[in-house]
Amino acid sequence: MKVAITDWNFPNIDIERKILEDAGHTVVDAQCTSEEEVTELVKDADLVIAQWAPVKAAAIEAMTQCKGIVRYGIGLDNIDLEAAKIKGIPVANVPDYCLNEVADHTIALMLASQRQILSTWDRINQGTWVITSPMTLPPLRQSTLALIGLGRISQRVASRAQAFGMKVIAFDPGLTDEQFEELNVEKATLDEIWQQADVVSLHCPLIEATHHLVNAEVLKKMKSTSILVNTSRGGLINTTDITKALNSGEIAGAALDVVEEEPLSNDHPLLKAKNVIVTSHTAWHSGSSITELQTLAAEKAVELLNRVKEVV
């Protein structure tokens, strides 16, 4: 069967080619950036693998024999799930790679922001050497970390934070009270999180209900000494509102691996805001994560195509 890879930013796709060709399939690939390019590539494909290219309604409607769509990664933002559902095409992601990398990056951002590493370094570079931090914040052992979403990555963040002596609370309506208890995490409402947390870390998908979950209204509820961390999806935070909140001192800091518009321009107001740390969507990356992602995506594709063979 024909497998179309719409786009990829790896050194090569030798891993996918070997796995798919060893299973008896052919592979075609491109570097599509528009829906029109995707549509042309995938119309006669039996399976589609996509990274960032837009696999939207028009492309899905044009598919004549597609048995599945696989996304390189965890999120499915660039795939029209409703159109795929209407067409009867299953969509799969790769939810079980880079879990530890993202958890580690989350903790690194939290520590850098809470311990004021960059703001202290900036002060030194400006010729000021002071043995107290720019802001007075509570120590980690007396701080509450609030997690919005308590999935596999977030659970790893919780265990790492607990090693620092932090109290961990979380909001996740999909988990039972027993699961919260097993993780030694206190169940909380969103309002309790905004009001109680010293650090809020976002770990939920970007859907209509969570778009701009963090906005001006929410930021006003947070402590002036609180820090916001986001390694999930940029659209969870209203960029204008967080920029204003940082500059006005409504919250103490923000550490973000994802933003609404990527890449940010060099003169973007967010980059000039007070006490902000931004990394360029690198939380997932390590010497192992790329290989894992490519392997798992290709194996998922083979699995979907094997299901079709079994039905036939």
C-alpha atoms as a PDB file:
ATOM      1  CA  MET A   1       0.000   0.000   0.000  1.00  0.00           C
ATOM      2  CA  LYS A   2       1.055   3.610  -0.532  1.00  0.00           C
ATOM      3  CA  VAL A   3       2.096   5.647   2.500  1.00  0.00           C
ATOM      4  CA  ALA A   4       2.392   9.414   2.004  1.00  0.00           C
ATOM      5  CA  ILE A   5       4.518  11.427   4.442  1.00  0.00           C
ATOM      6  CA  THR A   6       3.417  15.032   4.090  1.00  0.00           C
ATOM      7  CA  ASP A   7       6.361  16.678   5.871  1.00  0.00           C
ATOM      8  CA  TRP A   8       9.236  16.001   8.242  1.00  0.00           C
ATOM      9  CA  ASN A   9      12.091  17.915   9.860  1.00  0.00           C
ATOM     10  CA  PHE A  10      14.374  15.021  10.754  1.00  0.00           C
ATOM     11  CA  PRO A  11      17.837  14.420   9.272  1.00  0.00           C
ATOM     12  CA  ASN A  12      16.213  11.748   7.076  1.00  0.00           C
ATOM     13  CA  ILE A  13      13.308   9.291   7.041  1.00  0.00           C
ATOM     14  CA  ASP A  14      15.372   6.129   6.623  1.00  0.00           C
ATOM     15  CA  ILE A  15      13.777   4.624   9.744  1.00  0.00           C
ATOM     16  CA  GLU A  16      10.251   5.000   8.401  1.00  0.00           C
ATOM     17  CA  ARG A  17      11.204   3.761   4.954  1.00  0.00           C
ATOM     18  CA  LYS A  18      12.766   0.574   6.330  1.00  0.00           C
ATOM     19  CA  ILE A  19       9.873  -0.234   8.671  1.00  0.00           C
ATOM     20  CA  LEU A  20       7.209   0.453   6.031  1.00  0.00           C
ATOM     21  CA  GLU A  21       9.017  -1.138   3.100  1.00  0.00           C
ATOM     22  CA  ASP A  22       9.892  -4.231   5.154  1.00  0.00           C
ATOM     23  CA  ALA A  23       6.153  -4.534   5.757  1.00  0.00           C
ATOM     24  CA  GLY A  24       5.569  -4.459   1.987  1.00  0.00           C
ATOM     25  CA  HIS A  25       4.463  -0.840   1.562  1.00  0.00           C
ATOM     26  CA  THR A  26       5.765   1.971  -0.643  1.00  0.00           C
ATOM     27  CA  VAL A  27       6.638   5.408   0.700  1.00  0.00           C
ATOM     28  CA  VAL A  28       6.318   8.805  -0.958  1.00  0.00           C
ATOM     29  CA  ASP A  29       7.262  11.986   0.855  1.00  0.00           C
ATOM     30  CA  ALA A  30       7.195  15.744   0.446  1.00  0.00           C
ATOM     31  CA  GLN A  31       7.609  18.925   2.429  1.00  0.00           C
ATOM     32  CA  CYS A  32       4.061  20.263   2.184  1.00  0.00           C
ATOM     33  CA  THR A  33       3.324  23.616   3.760  1.00  0.00           C
ATOM     34  CA  SER A  34      -0.168  24.299   2.399  1.00  0.00           C
ATOM     35  CA  GLU A  35      -3.435  22.403   2.348  1.00  0.00           C
ATOM     36  CA  GLU A  36      -3.329  22.433  -1.443  1.00  0.00           C
ATOM     37  CA  GLU A  37       0.021  20.640  -1.458  1.00  0.00           C
ATOM     38  CA  VAL A  38      -1.231  18.123   1.087  1.00  0.00           C
ATOM     39  CA  THR A  39      -4.380  17.496  -0.968  1.00  0.00           C
ATOM     40  CA  GLU A  40      -2.379  16.719  -4.095  1.00  0.00           C
ATOM     41  CA  LEU A  41      -0.037  14.347  -2.260  1.00  0.00           C
ATOM     42  CA  VAL A  42      -2.565  12.324  -0.262  1.00  0.00           C
ATOM     43  CA  LYS A  43      -5.503  11.869  -2.640  1.00  0.00           C
ATOM     44  CA  ASP A  44      -4.498   8.309  -3.642  1.00  0.00           C
ATOM     45  CA  ALA A  45      -2.587   7.368  -0.477  1.00  0.00           C
ATOM     46  CA  ASP A  46      -3.600   4.362   1.612  1.00  0.00           C
ATOM     47  CA  LEU A  47      -2.171   5.985   4.740  1.00  0.00           C
ATOM     48  CA  VAL A  48      -0.899   9.455   5.609  1.00  0.00           C
ATOM     49  CA  ILE A  49       1.787  10.450   8.095  1.00  0.00           C
ATOM     50  CA  ALA A  50       2.004  14.159   8.929  1.00  0.00           C
ATOM     51  CA  GLN A  51       4.127  16.331  11.173  1.00  0.00           C
ATOM     52  CA  TRP A  52       3.149  20.013  10.881  1.00  0.00           C
ATOM     53  CA  ALA A  53       1.456  20.145   7.468  1.00  0.00           C
ATOM     54  CA  PRO A  54      -2.278  21.029   7.571  1.00  0.00           C
ATOM     55  CA  VAL A  55      -4.356  17.907   7.009  1.00  0.00           C
ATOM     56  CA  LYS A  56      -7.669  19.718   6.920  1.00  0.00           C
ATOM     57  CA  ALA A  57     -11.147  19.105   5.520  1.00  0.00           C
ATOM     58  CA  ALA A  58     -10.332  19.655   1.836  1.00  0.00           C
ATOM     59  CA  ALA A  59      -7.385  17.259   1.915  1.00  0.00           C
ATOM     60  CA  ILE A  60      -9.346  14.630   3.820  1.00  0.00           C
ATOM     61  CA  GLU A  61     -12.318  14.957   1.463  1.00  0.00           C
ATOM     62  CA  ALA A  62      -9.980  14.374  -1.493  1.00  0.00           C
ATOM     63  CA  MET A  63      -8.705  11.079  -0.062  1.00  0.00           C
ATOM     64  CA  THR A  64     -10.067   8.206  -2.145  1.00  0.00           C
ATOM     65  CA  GLN A  65      -8.683   5.181  -0.286  1.00  0.00           C
ATOM     66  CA  CYS A  66      -7.049   6.354   2.931  1.00  0.00           C
ATOM     67  CA  LYS A  67      -7.176   3.877   5.819  1.00  0.00           C
ATOM     68  CA  GLY A  68      -5.572   6.046   8.468  1.00  0.00           C
ATOM     69  CA  ILE A  69      -3.733   9.241   9.409  1.00  0.00           C
ATOM     70  CA  VAL A  70      -0.777   9.205  11.794  1.00  0.00           C
ATOM     71  CA  ARG A  71       0.614  12.348  13.419  1.00  0.00           C
ATOM     72  CA  TYR A  72       4.290  12.615  14.298  1.00  0.00           C
ATOM     73  CA  GLY A  73       3.819  13.685  17.913  1.00  0.00           C
ATOM     74  CA  ILE A  74       1.267  13.904  20.682  1.00  0.00           C
ATOM     75  CA  GLY A  75      -0.955  16.815  19.632  1.00  0.00           C
ATOM     76  CA  LEU A  76      -3.441  16.646  16.782  1.00  0.00           C
ATOM     77  CA  ASP A  77      -3.943  20.372  16.212  1.00  0.00           C
ATOM     78  CA  ASN A  78      -3.105  20.301  12.498  1.00  0.00           C
ATOM     79  CA  ILE A  79      -5.528  17.496  11.648  1.00  0.00           C
ATOM     80  CA  ASP A  80      -9.260  18.046  11.165  1.00  0.00           C
ATOM     81  CA  LEU A  81     -10.545  15.297  13.425  1.00  0.00           C
ATOM     82  CA  GLU A  82     -14.198  15.960  12.634  1.00  0.00           C
ATOM     83  CA  ALA A  83     -13.606  15.687   8.883  1.00  0.00           C
ATOM     84  CA  ALA A  84     -11.690  12.445   9.421  1.00  0.00           C
ATOM     85  CA  LYS A  85     -14.508  11.083  11.577  1.00  0.00           C
ATOM     86  CA  ILE A  86     -17.110  11.902   8.934  1.00  0.00           C
ATOM     87  CA  LYS A  87     -14.973  10.182   6.315  1.00  0.00           C
ATOM     88  CA  GLY A  88     -14.463   7.166   8.579  1.00  0.00           C
ATOM     89  CA  ILE A  89     -10.675   7.528   8.668  1.00  0.00           C
ATOM     90  CA  PRO A  90      -8.999   6.641  11.986  1.00  0.00           C
ATOM     91  CA  VAL A  91      -6.442   9.131  13.316  1.00  0.00           C
ATOM     92  CA  ALA A  92      -3.544   8.086  15.534  1.00  0.00           C
ATOM     93  CA  ASN A  93      -0.839  10.010  17.351  1.00  0.00           C
ATOM     94  CA  VAL A  94       2.369   9.000  19.133  1.00  0.00           C
ATOM     95  CA  PRO A  95       1.515   9.642  22.780  1.00  0.00           C
ATOM     96  CA  ASP A  96       4.324   7.648  24.369  1.00  0.00           C
ATOM     97  CA  TYR A  97       7.545   9.328  23.279  1.00  0.00           C
ATOM     98  CA  CYS A  98       9.523  12.200  24.888  1.00  0.00           C
ATOM     99  CA  LEU A  99       7.556  11.873  28.122  1.00  0.00           C
ATOM    100  CA  ASN A 100      10.623  12.238  30.322  1.00  0.00           C
ATOM    101  CA  GLU A 101      12.154  14.927  28.115  1.00  0.00           C
ATOM    102  CA  VAL A 102       9.087  17.165  28.454  1.00  0.00           C
ATOM    103  CA  ALA A 103       8.820  16.493  32.182  1.00  0.00           C
ATOM    104  CA  ASP A 104      12.495  17.372  32.637  1.00  0.00           C
ATOM    105  CA  HIS A 105      12.095  20.533  30.556  1.00  0.00           C
ATOM    106  CA  THR A 106       9.066  21.564  32.591  1.00  0.00           C
ATOM    107  CA  ILE A 107      11.024  21.245  35.808  1.00  0.00           C
ATOM    108  CA  ALA A 108      14.007  23.064  34.268  1.00  0.00           C
ATOM    109  CA  LEU A 109      11.791  25.993  33.252  1.00  0.00           C
ATOM    110  CA  MET A 110      10.167  26.067  36.677  1.00  0.00           C
ATOM    111  CA  LEU A 111      13.527  26.087  38.452  1.00  0.00           C
ATOM    112  CA  ALA A 112      15.063  28.696  36.168  1.00  0.00           C
ATOM    113  CA  SER A 113      12.092  31.001  36.662  1.00  0.00           C
ATOM    114  CA  GLN A 114      11.528  30.377  40.371  1.00  0.00           C
ATOM    115  CA  ARG A 115      15.224  30.679  41.218  1.00  0.00           C
ATOM    116  CA  GLN A 116      15.451  33.727  38.912  1.00  0.00           C
ATOM    117  CA  ILE A 117      18.494  32.439  37.047  1.00  0.00           C
ATOM    118  CA  LEU A 118      18.166  34.565  33.916  1.00  0.00           C
ATOM    119  CA  SER A 119      17.080  37.771  35.634  1.00  0.00           C
ATOM    120  CA  THR A 120      20.057  37.483  37.985  1.00  0.00           C
ATOM    121  CA  TRP A 121      22.381  36.834  35.043  1.00  0.00           C
ATOM    122  CA  ASP A 122      20.955  39.873  33.238  1.00  0.00           C
ATOM    123  CA  ARG A 123      21.588  41.996  36.320  1.00  0.00           C
ATOM    124  CA  ILE A 124      25.190  40.798  36.491  1.00  0.00           C
ATOM    125  CA  ASN A 125      25.689  41.646  32.820  1.00  0.00           C
ATOM    126  CA  GLN A 126      24.437  45.155  33.568  1.00  0.00           C
ATOM    127  CA  GLY A 127      27.201  45.552  36.158  1.00  0.00           C
ATOM    128  CA  THR A 128      25.213  44.873  39.339  1.00  0.00           C
ATOM    129  CA  TRP A 129      26.392  42.216  41.792  1.00  0.00           C
ATOM    130  CA  VAL A 130      23.931  41.660  44.645  1.00  0.00           C
ATOM    131  CA  ILE A 131      23.698  38.569  46.836  1.00  0.00           C
ATOM    132  CA  THR A 132      19.886  38.628  47.008  1.00  0.00           C
ATOM    133  CA  SER A 133      17.551  37.651  44.161  1.00  0.00           C
ATOM    134  CA  PRO A 134      15.689  40.304  42.144  1.00  0.00           C
ATOM    135  CA  MET A 135      12.382  39.143  43.699  1.00  0.00           C
ATOM    136  CA  THR A 136      11.616  37.483  47.015  1.00  0.00           C
ATOM    137  CA  LEU A 137       9.713  34.275  46.301  1.00  0.00           C
ATOM    138  CA  PRO A 138       8.799  31.357  48.594  1.00  0.00           C
ATOM    139  CA  PRO A 139      11.231  28.412  48.639  1.00  0.00           C
ATOM    140  CA  LEU A 140      10.232  25.319  46.687  1.00  0.00           C
ATOM    141  CA  ARG A 141       9.754  23.285  49.872  1.00  0.00           C
ATOM    142  CA  GLN A 142       7.020  25.725  50.910  1.00  0.00           C
ATOM    143  CA  SER A 143       5.470  26.055  47.438  1.00  0.00           C
ATOM    144  CA  THR A 144       2.445  24.507  45.794  1.00  0.00           C
ATOM    145  CA  LEU A 145       2.710  23.251  42.228  1.00  0.00           C
ATOM    146  CA  ALA A 146      -0.615  23.094  40.395  1.00  0.00           C
ATOM    147  CA  LEU A 147      -0.934  20.892  37.336  1.00  0.00           C
ATOM    148  CA  ILE A 148      -3.734  21.387  34.843  1.00  0.00           C
ATOM    149  CA  GLY A 149      -4.035  17.967  33.296  1.00  0.00           C
ATOM    150  CA  LEU A 150      -2.578  14.909  35.005  1.00  0.00           C
ATOM    151  CA  GLY A 151      -1.551  12.615  32.172  1.00  0.00           C
ATOM    152  CA  ARG A 152       1.677  10.700  31.658  1.00  0.00           C
ATOM    153  CA  ILE A 153       3.941  13.743  31.320  1.00  0.00           C
ATOM    154  CA  SER A 154       2.251  15.637  34.129  1.00  0.00           C
ATOM    155  CA  GLN A 155       2.534  12.651  36.472  1.00  0.00           C
ATOM    156  CA  ARG A 156       6.285  12.638  35.865  1.00  0.00           C
ATOM    157  CA  VAL A 157       6.395  16.356  36.621  1.00  0.00           C
ATOM    158  CA  ALA A 158       4.530  15.695  39.867  1.00  0.00           C
ATOM    159  CA  SER A 159       7.031  13.086  41.075  1.00  0.00           C
ATOM    160  CA  ARG A 160       9.983  15.333  40.227  1.00  0.00           C
ATOM    161  CA  ALA A 161       8.409  18.293  42.034  1.00  0.00           C
ATOM    162  CA  GLN A 162       7.625  16.170  45.083  1.00  0.00           C
ATOM    163  CA  ALA A 163      11.345  15.363  45.320  1.00  0.00           C
ATOM    164  CA  PHE A 164      11.887  19.089  45.968  1.00  0.00           C
ATOM    165  CA  GLY A 165       9.339  18.968  48.772  1.00  0.00           C
ATOM    166  CA  MET A 166       6.605  20.752  46.831  1.00  0.00           C
ATOM    167  CA  LYS A 167       2.940  20.159  47.513  1.00  0.00           C
ATOM    168  CA  VAL A 168       1.265  19.098  44.265  1.00  0.00           C
ATOM    169  CA  ILE A 169      -2.360  19.727  43.383  1.00  0.00           C
ATOM    170  CA  ALA A 170      -4.038  19.131  40.042  1.00  0.00           C
ATOM    171  CA  PHE A 171      -7.163  19.551  37.963  1.00  0.00           C
ATOM    172  CA  ASP A 172      -8.096  16.645  35.706  1.00  0.00           C
ATOM    173  CA  PRO A 173     -11.761  15.596  35.442  1.00  0.00           C
ATOM    174  CA  GLY A 174     -10.732  12.368  33.687  1.00  0.00           C
ATOM    175  CA  LEU A 175      -9.034  10.855  36.735  1.00  0.00           C
ATOM    176  CA  THR A 176     -10.666   9.111  39.687  1.00  0.00           C
ATOM    177  CA  ASP A 177     -10.156  10.011  43.322  1.00  0.00           C
ATOM    178  CA  GLU A 178      -8.236   6.746  43.698  1.00  0.00           C
ATOM    179  CA  GLN A 179      -5.790   7.742  40.949  1.00  0.00           C
ATOM    180  CA  PHE A 180      -5.155  11.105  42.601  1.00  0.00           C
ATOM    181  CA  GLU A 181      -4.504   9.309  45.882  1.00  0.00           C
ATOM    182  CA  GLU A 182      -2.096   6.830  44.276  1.00  0.00           C
ATOM    183  CA  LEU A 183      -0.099   9.719  42.805  1.00  0.00           C
ATOM    184  CA  ASN A 184      -0.067  11.601  46.134  1.00  0.00           C
ATOM    185  CA  VAL A 185      -1.622  14.563  44.325  1.00  0.00           C
ATOM    186  CA  GLU A 186      -4.460  16.615  45.797  1.00  0.00           C
ATOM    187  CA  LYS A 187      -7.528  17.071  43.611  1.00  0.00           C
ATOM    188  CA  ALA A 188      -8.406  20.728  42.997  1.00  0.00           C
ATOM    189  CA  THR A 189     -10.825  22.881  41.032  1.00  0.00           C
ATOM    190  CA  LEU A 190      -9.554  25.441  38.551  1.00  0.00           C
ATOM    191  CA  ASP A 191     -10.504  28.286  40.885  1.00  0.00           C
ATOM    192  CA  GLU A 192      -8.540  26.643  43.707  1.00  0.00           C
ATOM    193  CA  ILE A 193      -5.546  26.314  41.392  1.00  0.00           C
ATOM    194  CA  TRP A 194      -5.538  29.975  40.363  1.00  0.00           C
ATOM    195  CA  GLN A 195      -5.809  31.097  43.967  1.00  0.00           C
ATOM    196  CA  GLN A 196      -3.495  28.627  45.724  1.00  0.00           C
ATOM    197  CA  ALA A 197      -0.680  27.822  43.315  1.00  0.00           C
ATOM    198  CA  ASP A 198       2.830  29.213  43.530  1.00  0.00           C
ATOM    199  CA  VAL A 199       3.590  27.521  40.213  1.00  0.00           C
ATOM    200  CA  VAL A 200       0.976  26.596  37.592  1.00  0.00           C
ATOM    201  CA  SER A 201       2.050  24.145  34.881  1.00  0.00           C
ATOM    202  CA  LEU A 202      -0.159  23.432  31.871  1.00  0.00           C
ATOM    203  CA  HIS A 203      -0.486  19.862  30.542  1.00  0.00           C
ATOM    204  CA  CYS A 204      -3.804  19.759  28.708  1.00  0.00           C
ATOM    205  CA  PRO A 205      -4.739  19.523  25.015  1.00  0.00           C
ATOM    206  CA  LEU A 206      -5.679  22.566  22.971  1.00  0.00           C
ATOM    207  CA  ILE A 207      -9.378  22.263  22.197  1.00  0.00           C
ATOM    208  CA  GLU A 208     -12.187  24.797  22.006  1.00  0.00           C
ATOM    209  CA  ALA A 209     -12.815  24.570  25.749  1.00  0.00           C
ATOM    210  CA  THR A 210      -9.146  25.194  26.661  1.00  0.00           C
ATOM    211  CA  HIS A 211      -8.292  27.888  24.112  1.00  0.00           C
ATOM    212  CA  HIS A 212      -7.042  30.921  26.082  1.00  0.00           C
ATOM    213  CA  LEU A 213      -7.630  29.029  29.318  1.00  0.00           C
ATOM    214  CA  VAL A 214      -5.172  31.477  30.847  1.00  0.00           C
ATOM    215  CA  ASN A 215      -6.452  34.978  30.211  1.00  0.00           C
ATOM    216  CA  ALA A 216      -6.690  38.377  31.890  1.00  0.00           C
ATOM    217  CA  GLU A 217      -9.472  37.259  34.231  1.00  0.00           C
ATOM    218  CA  VAL A 218      -7.535  34.202  35.390  1.00  0.00           C
ATOM    219  CA  LEU A 219      -4.249  36.056  35.772  1.00  0.00           C
ATOM    220  CA  LYS A 220      -5.901  38.528  38.142  1.00  0.00           C
ATOM    221  CA  LYS A 221      -6.804  35.601  40.436  1.00  0.00           C
ATOM    222  CA  MET A 222      -3.229  34.342  40.686  1.00  0.00           C
ATOM    223  CA  LYS A 223      -0.738  35.314  43.382  1.00  0.00           C
ATOM    224  CA  SER A 224       1.617  38.147  42.543  1.00  0.00           C
ATOM    225  CA  THR A 225       4.465  35.761  43.420  1.00  0.00           C
ATOM    226  CA  SER A 226       3.209  32.936  41.179  1.00  0.00           C
ATOM    227  CA  ILE A 227       4.877  31.529  38.081  1.00  0.00           C
ATOM    228  CA  LEU A 228       3.245  30.093  34.973  1.00  0.00           C
ATOM    229  CA  VAL A 229       4.891  27.253  33.005  1.00  0.00           C
ATOM    230  CA  ASN A 230       3.664  25.938  29.653  1.00  0.00           C
ATOM    231  CA  THR A 231       5.161  22.973  27.790  1.00  0.00           C
ATOM    232  CA  SER A 232       1.839  21.902  26.280  1.00  0.00           C
ATOM    233  CA  ARG A 233       0.211  24.116  23.632  1.00  0.00           C
ATOM    234  CA  GLY A 234       0.717  27.833  23.035  1.00  0.00           C
ATOM    235  CA  GLY A 235      -2.962  28.556  22.458  1.00  0.00           C
ATOM    236  CA  LEU A 236      -3.766  27.729  26.067  1.00  0.00           C
ATOM    237  CA  ILE A 237      -2.490  31.190  26.998  1.00  0.00           C
ATOM    238  CA  ASN A 238      -3.654  34.550  25.688  1.00  0.00           C
ATOM    239  CA  THR A 239      -0.332  36.083  24.620  1.00  0.00           C
ATOM    240  CA  THR A 240      -1.450  39.703  24.992  1.00  0.00           C
ATOM    241  CA  ASP A 241      -2.848  39.084  28.466  1.00  0.00           C
ATOM    242  CA  ILE A 242       0.230  37.263  29.785  1.00  0.00           C
ATOM    243  CA  THR A 243       2.498  39.997  28.424  1.00  0.00           C
ATOM    244  CA  LYS A 244       0.494  42.667  30.246  1.00  0.00           C
ATOM    245  CA  ALA A 245       0.376  40.622  33.452  1.00  0.00           C
ATOM    246  CA  LEU A 246       4.144  40.180  33.475  1.00  0.00           C
ATOM    247  CA  ASN A 247       4.863  43.841  32.835  1.00  0.00           C
ATOM    248  CA  SER A 248       2.389  45.004  35.485  1.00  0.00           C
ATOM    249  CA  GLY A 249       3.643  42.535  38.098  1.00  0.00           C
ATOM    250  CA  GLU A 250       0.347  40.674  38.359  1.00  0.00           C
ATOM    251  CA  ILE A 251       2.373  37.467  38.371  1.00  0.00           C
ATOM    252  CA  ALA A 252       6.075  36.967  39.097  1.00  0.00           C
ATOM    253  CA  GLY A 253       7.109  35.164  35.937  1.00  0.00           C
ATOM    254  CA  ALA A 254       6.339  32.873  33.020  1.00  0.00           C
ATOM    255  CA  ALA A 255       8.418  30.107  31.462  1.00  0.00           C
ATOM    256  CA  LEU A 256       7.117  28.977  28.092  1.00  0.00           C
ATOM    257  CA  ASP A 257       8.280  26.349  25.612  1.00  0.00           C
ATOM    258  CA  VAL A 258       5.246  26.940  23.377  1.00  0.00           C
ATOM    259  CA  VAL A 259       3.510  30.128  22.238  1.00  0.00           C
ATOM    260  CA  GLU A 260       0.516  30.965  20.085  1.00  0.00           C
ATOM    261  CA  GLU A 261       2.538  32.061  17.063  1.00  0.00           C
ATOM    262  CA  GLU A 262       5.701  30.145  16.306  1.00  0.00           C
ATOM    263  CA  PRO A 263       8.292  31.319  15.596  1.00  0.00           C
ATOM    264  CA  LEU A 264       8.083  34.586  17.512  1.00  0.00           C
ATOM    265  CA  SER A 265       9.555  37.615  15.780  1.00  0.00           C
ATOM    266  CA  ASN A 266      12.634  39.075  17.455  1.00  0.00           C
ATOM    267  CA  ASP A 267      10.717  42.233  18.371  1.00  0.00           C
ATOM    268  CA  HIS A 268       7.628  40.471  19.724  1.00  0.00           C
ATOM    269  CA  PRO A 269       6.350  42.168  22.912  1.00  0.00           C
ATOM    270  CA  LEU A 270       6.313  38.876  24.813  1.00  0.00           C
ATOM    271  CA  LEU A 271      10.083  38.517  24.423  1.00  0.00           C
ATOM    272  CA  LYS A 272      10.538  41.962  25.956  1.00  0.00           C
ATOM    273  CA  ALA A 273       8.213  41.305  28.911  1.00  0.00           C
ATOM    274  CA  LYS A 274       9.518  41.229  32.469  1.00  0.00           C
ATOM    275  CA  ASN A 275      10.615  37.916  33.966  1.00  0.00           C
ATOM    276  CA  VAL A 276       9.817  35.739  30.977  1.00  0.00           C
ATOM    277  CA  ILE A 277      11.736  32.719  29.719  1.00  0.00           C
ATOM    278  CA  VAL A 278      10.945  31.349  26.257  1.00  0.00           C
ATOM    279  CA  THR A 279      12.418  28.243  24.664  1.00  0.00           C
ATOM    280  CA  SER A 280      11.719  27.406  21.030  1.00  0.00           C
ATOM    281  CA  HIS A 281       9.455  24.336  21.364  1.00  0.00           C
ATOM    282  CA  THR A 282      12.445  22.186  22.322  1.00  0.00           C
ATOM    283  CA  ALA A 283      10.987  20.350  25.330  1.00  0.00           C
ATOM    284  CA  TRP A 284      10.478  17.168  23.298  1.00  0.00           C
ATOM    285  CA  HIS A 285      14.004  16.982  21.924  1.00  0.00           C
ATOM    286  CA  SER A 286      16.866  14.724  22.975  1.00  0.00           C
ATOM    287  CA  GLY A 287      19.347  12.341  21.416  1.00  0.00           C
ATOM    288  CA  SER A 288      16.777   9.544  21.700  1.00  0.00           C
ATOM    289  CA  SER A 289      13.430  11.247  21.136  1.00  0.00           C
ATOM    290  CA  ILE A 290      13.747  11.735  17.348  1.00  0.00           C
ATOM    291  CA  THR A 291      14.484   8.065  16.727  1.00  0.00           C
ATOM    292  CA  GLU A 292      11.662   7.046  19.054  1.00  0.00           C
ATOM    293  CA  LEU A 293       9.197   9.351  17.311  1.00  0.00           C
ATOM    294  CA  GLN A 294      10.050   8.138  13.816  1.00  0.00           C
ATOM    295  CA  THR A 295       9.985   4.491  14.862  1.00  0.00           C
ATOM    296  CA  LEU A 296       6.715   4.678  16.756  1.00  0.00           C
ATOM    297  CA  ALA A 297       4.967   6.647  13.987  1.00  0.00           C
ATOM    298  CA  ALA A 298       6.008   4.108  11.356  1.00  0.00           C
ATOM    299  CA  GLU A 299       4.992   1.185  13.560  1.00  0.00           C
ATOM    300  CA  LYS A 300       1.617   2.844  14.168  1.00  0.00           C
ATOM    301  CA  ALA A 301       1.157   3.184  10.396  1.00  0.00           C
ATOM    302  CA  VAL A 302       1.939  -0.506   9.851  1.00  0.00           C
ATOM    303  CA  GLU A 303      -0.485  -1.409  12.638  1.00  0.00           C
ATOM    304  CA  LEU A 304      -3.312   0.549  11.005  1.00  0.00           C
ATOM    305  CA  LEU A 305      -2.643  -0.998   7.587  1.00  0.00           C
ATOM    306  CA  ASN A 306      -2.505  -4.490   9.099  1.00  0.00           C
ATOM    307  CA  ARG A 307      -5.971  -3.945  10.548  1.00  0.00           C
ATOM    308  CA  VAL A 308      -7.242  -3.270   7.042  1.00  0.00           C
ATOM    309  CA  LYS A 309      -5.664  -6.504   5.781  1.00  0.00           C
ATOM    310  CA  GLU A 310      -7.280  -8.454   8.595  1.00  0.00           C
ATOM    311  CA  VAL A 311     -10.707  -7.065   7.733  1.00  0.00           C
ATOM    312  CA  VAL A 312     -10.258  -7.874   4.059  1.00  0.00           C
END
